[in-house]
């Protein structure tokens, strides 16, 4: 199940797929300027592994409305459905 919200319109839709096969990937970083701009943590980061999925067929259902439009505010400007 996936959940979305656009403005005050909250919806969910069902998703189904076979188990995703994962395959080890060899990576090479061509440029890191975007991720480097997020903070100092990147200087000491190291790759401990990488995987990719060759893909599967995914079924996605139609969106359905979720209850009323109220959103409950939380600390830090985040909200909960």
N, C-alpha and C. Protein backbone atom coordinates (compact mmCIF):
# COMPACT_ATOMS: atom_id res chain seq x y z
N UNK A 1 0.85 -1.18 0.00
CA UNK A 1 0.00 0.00 0.00
C UNK A 1 0.88 1.23 0.00
N UNK A 2 0.50 2.23 -0.79
CA UNK A 2 1.22 3.51 -0.84
C UNK A 2 0.25 4.61 -0.44
N UNK A 3 0.78 5.65 0.18
CA UNK A 3 -0.02 6.79 0.62
C UNK A 3 0.50 8.05 -0.04
N UNK A 4 -0.42 8.93 -0.44
CA UNK A 4 -0.03 10.21 -1.04
C UNK A 4 -0.87 11.32 -0.42
N UNK A 5 -0.35 12.53 -0.51
CA UNK A 5 -1.11 13.70 -0.07
C UNK A 5 -0.73 14.86 -0.96
N UNK A 6 -1.73 15.56 -1.50
CA UNK A 6 -1.54 16.76 -2.29
C UNK A 6 -2.46 17.81 -1.69
N UNK A 7 -1.89 18.81 -1.04
CA UNK A 7 -2.71 19.76 -0.31
C UNK A 7 -3.42 19.03 0.82
N UNK A 8 -4.75 19.11 0.84
CA UNK A 8 -5.53 18.41 1.87
C UNK A 8 -6.13 17.11 1.36
N UNK A 9 -5.83 16.74 0.15
CA UNK A 9 -6.39 15.53 -0.44
C UNK A 9 -5.45 14.35 -0.16
N UNK A 10 -5.90 13.44 0.72
CA UNK A 10 -5.11 12.27 1.10
C UNK A 10 -5.70 11.03 0.43
N UNK A 11 -4.82 10.20 -0.11
CA UNK A 11 -5.28 8.99 -0.80
C UNK A 11 -4.33 7.83 -0.51
N UNK A 12 -4.81 6.64 -0.83
CA UNK A 12 -3.95 5.45 -0.79
C UNK A 12 -4.24 4.62 -2.01
N UNK A 13 -3.29 3.79 -2.40
CA UNK A 13 -3.53 2.83 -3.47
C UNK A 13 -2.73 1.57 -3.18
N UNK A 14 -3.25 0.47 -3.67
CA UNK A 14 -2.62 -0.83 -3.44
C UNK A 14 -1.55 -1.09 -4.51
N UNK A 15 -0.50 -1.79 -4.11
CA UNK A 15 0.58 -2.16 -5.01
C UNK A 15 0.87 -3.64 -4.79
N UNK A 16 1.17 -4.36 -5.86
CA UNK A 16 1.54 -5.76 -5.74
C UNK A 16 2.61 -6.08 -6.76
N UNK A 17 3.59 -6.91 -6.36
CA UNK A 17 4.60 -7.41 -7.28
C UNK A 17 5.22 -8.67 -6.70
N UNK A 18 5.80 -9.45 -7.58
CA UNK A 18 6.57 -10.62 -7.15
C UNK A 18 7.74 -10.12 -6.30
N UNK A 19 8.35 -10.98 -5.49
CA UNK A 19 9.55 -10.55 -4.75
C UNK A 19 10.61 -10.02 -5.72
N UNK A 20 11.24 -8.92 -5.34
CA UNK A 20 12.25 -8.30 -6.20
C UNK A 20 13.57 -9.03 -6.05
N UNK A 21 14.11 -9.49 -7.15
CA UNK A 21 15.44 -10.10 -7.15
C UNK A 21 16.47 -8.97 -7.10
N UNK A 22 17.46 -9.11 -6.26
CA UNK A 22 18.52 -8.11 -6.17
C UNK A 22 19.84 -8.72 -6.61
N UNK A 23 20.60 -7.94 -7.32
CA UNK A 23 21.87 -8.38 -7.87
C UNK A 23 22.96 -7.42 -7.40
N UNK A 24 24.12 -7.92 -6.95
CA UNK A 24 25.20 -7.01 -6.56
C UNK A 24 25.61 -6.11 -7.74
N UNK A 25 25.91 -4.87 -7.44
CA UNK A 25 26.32 -3.91 -8.47
C UNK A 25 27.70 -3.36 -8.15
N UNK A 26 28.50 -3.19 -9.17
CA UNK A 26 29.78 -2.50 -9.02
C UNK A 26 29.53 -1.04 -9.35
N UNK A 27 29.93 -0.14 -8.45
CA UNK A 27 29.66 1.27 -8.68
C UNK A 27 30.96 2.05 -8.86
N UNK A 28 30.82 3.17 -9.55
CA UNK A 28 31.92 4.11 -9.71
C UNK A 28 31.31 5.50 -9.61
N UNK A 29 31.82 6.32 -8.69
CA UNK A 29 31.29 7.66 -8.50
C UNK A 29 32.00 8.60 -9.47
N UNK A 30 31.23 9.13 -10.43
CA UNK A 30 31.79 10.03 -11.43
C UNK A 30 31.92 11.45 -10.87
N UNK A 31 30.94 11.88 -10.10
CA UNK A 31 30.99 13.20 -9.46
C UNK A 31 30.18 13.13 -8.18
N UNK A 32 30.62 13.84 -7.16
CA UNK A 32 29.92 13.81 -5.88
C UNK A 32 29.53 15.20 -5.39
N UNK A 33 29.54 16.21 -6.26
CA UNK A 33 29.31 17.58 -5.80
C UNK A 33 27.92 17.79 -5.20
N UNK A 34 26.89 17.13 -5.70
CA UNK A 34 25.55 17.32 -5.14
C UNK A 34 25.46 16.73 -3.73
N UNK A 35 25.87 15.49 -3.56
CA UNK A 35 25.78 14.86 -2.24
C UNK A 35 26.78 15.49 -1.27
N UNK A 36 27.92 15.96 -1.77
CA UNK A 36 28.91 16.63 -0.93
C UNK A 36 28.34 17.92 -0.33
N UNK A 37 27.41 18.55 -1.04
CA UNK A 37 26.82 19.80 -0.55
C UNK A 37 25.87 19.60 0.62
N UNK A 38 25.57 18.35 0.98
CA UNK A 38 24.63 18.08 2.08
C UNK A 38 25.29 18.06 3.45
N UNK A 39 26.61 18.13 3.51
CA UNK A 39 27.27 18.17 4.81
C UNK A 39 28.60 17.44 4.84
N UNK A 40 29.26 17.56 5.99
CA UNK A 40 30.59 16.96 6.17
C UNK A 40 30.58 15.44 6.21
N UNK A 41 29.44 14.84 6.54
CA UNK A 41 29.37 13.39 6.69
C UNK A 41 29.92 12.67 5.46
N UNK A 42 29.77 13.27 4.31
CA UNK A 42 30.17 12.61 3.06
C UNK A 42 31.68 12.37 2.99
N UNK A 43 32.46 13.22 3.65
CA UNK A 43 33.93 13.07 3.63
C UNK A 43 34.38 11.73 4.20
N UNK A 44 33.67 11.24 5.22
CA UNK A 44 34.07 9.98 5.85
C UNK A 44 33.19 8.80 5.43
N UNK A 45 32.27 9.02 4.51
CA UNK A 45 31.39 7.93 4.05
C UNK A 45 32.18 6.95 3.19
N UNK A 46 31.74 5.70 3.23
CA UNK A 46 32.35 4.70 2.37
C UNK A 46 31.26 3.77 1.87
N UNK A 47 31.47 3.20 0.72
CA UNK A 47 30.49 2.27 0.15
C UNK A 47 30.70 0.90 0.77
N UNK A 48 29.64 0.36 1.35
CA UNK A 48 29.75 -0.98 1.93
C UNK A 48 29.01 -2.01 1.07
N UNK A 49 28.34 -1.54 0.03
CA UNK A 49 27.66 -2.45 -0.87
C UNK A 49 26.66 -1.72 -1.73
N UNK A 50 26.31 -2.32 -2.84
CA UNK A 50 25.32 -1.73 -3.74
C UNK A 50 24.60 -2.86 -4.46
N UNK A 51 23.30 -2.72 -4.59
CA UNK A 51 22.49 -3.70 -5.30
C UNK A 51 21.59 -2.97 -6.30
N UNK A 52 21.12 -3.71 -7.28
CA UNK A 52 20.09 -3.19 -8.16
C UNK A 52 19.12 -4.32 -8.46
N UNK A 53 17.96 -3.96 -8.95
CA UNK A 53 16.97 -4.96 -9.33
C UNK A 53 16.79 -4.89 -10.84
N UNK A 54 16.88 -6.04 -11.51
CA UNK A 54 16.64 -6.03 -12.95
C UNK A 54 15.19 -5.67 -13.29
N UNK A 55 14.34 -5.62 -12.27
CA UNK A 55 12.96 -5.17 -12.49
C UNK A 55 11.94 -6.29 -12.45
N UNK A 56 10.73 -5.91 -12.13
CA UNK A 56 9.59 -6.82 -12.12
C UNK A 56 8.37 -6.04 -12.61
N UNK A 57 7.35 -6.76 -12.99
CA UNK A 57 6.10 -6.09 -13.35
C UNK A 57 5.37 -5.74 -12.06
N UNK A 58 4.86 -4.51 -12.00
CA UNK A 58 4.20 -4.01 -10.79
C UNK A 58 2.75 -3.69 -11.11
N UNK A 59 1.84 -4.15 -10.26
CA UNK A 59 0.43 -3.82 -10.40
C UNK A 59 0.11 -2.72 -9.40
N UNK A 60 -0.53 -1.65 -9.89
CA UNK A 60 -0.93 -0.54 -9.02
C UNK A 60 -2.43 -0.32 -9.19
N UNK A 61 -3.14 -0.29 -8.06
CA UNK A 61 -4.58 -0.08 -8.10
C UNK A 61 -4.94 1.40 -8.22
N UNK A 62 -6.23 1.65 -8.33
CA UNK A 62 -6.74 3.02 -8.40
C UNK A 62 -6.61 3.70 -7.04
N UNK A 63 -6.45 5.03 -7.02
CA UNK A 63 -6.37 5.74 -5.74
C UNK A 63 -7.73 5.79 -5.05
N UNK A 64 -7.71 5.73 -3.73
CA UNK A 64 -8.91 5.82 -2.90
C UNK A 64 -8.71 6.93 -1.88
N UNK A 65 -9.76 7.71 -1.63
CA UNK A 65 -9.69 8.79 -0.64
C UNK A 65 -9.53 8.21 0.75
N UNK A 66 -8.84 8.96 1.62
CA UNK A 66 -8.66 8.57 3.01
C UNK A 66 -9.46 9.52 3.88
N UNK A 67 -10.46 9.02 4.56
CA UNK A 67 -11.22 9.77 5.56
C UNK A 67 -11.51 11.21 5.21
N UNK A 68 -11.44 12.08 6.24
CA UNK A 68 -11.68 13.50 6.02
C UNK A 68 -10.37 14.21 5.69
N UNK A 69 -10.42 15.50 5.56
CA UNK A 69 -9.25 16.27 5.13
C UNK A 69 -8.39 16.80 6.27
N UNK A 70 -8.71 16.43 7.51
CA UNK A 70 -7.94 16.96 8.63
C UNK A 70 -6.53 16.37 8.67
N UNK A 71 -5.56 17.21 8.92
CA UNK A 71 -4.18 16.78 9.10
C UNK A 71 -3.78 17.20 10.50
N UNK A 72 -3.22 16.28 11.29
CA UNK A 72 -2.84 16.57 12.66
C UNK A 72 -1.40 17.06 12.67
N UNK A 73 -1.14 18.34 13.07
CA UNK A 73 0.23 18.85 13.07
C UNK A 73 1.07 18.23 14.19
N UNK A 74 2.35 18.05 13.92
CA UNK A 74 3.30 17.54 14.90
C UNK A 74 4.43 18.55 15.05
N UNK A 75 5.29 18.34 16.04
CA UNK A 75 6.45 19.20 16.25
C UNK A 75 7.37 19.11 15.03
N UNK A 76 7.95 20.22 14.64
CA UNK A 76 8.89 20.22 13.52
C UNK A 76 8.21 20.38 12.18
N UNK A 77 6.99 20.87 12.15
CA UNK A 77 6.25 21.14 10.92
C UNK A 77 5.96 19.89 10.10
N UNK A 78 6.00 18.73 10.71
CA UNK A 78 5.61 17.52 10.01
C UNK A 78 4.17 17.24 10.38
N UNK A 79 3.52 16.37 9.66
CA UNK A 79 2.13 16.06 9.98
C UNK A 79 1.91 14.56 9.92
N UNK A 80 0.81 14.15 10.48
CA UNK A 80 0.44 12.74 10.49
C UNK A 80 -0.96 12.62 9.93
N UNK A 81 -1.21 11.55 9.20
CA UNK A 81 -2.54 11.34 8.64
C UNK A 81 -3.49 10.87 9.71
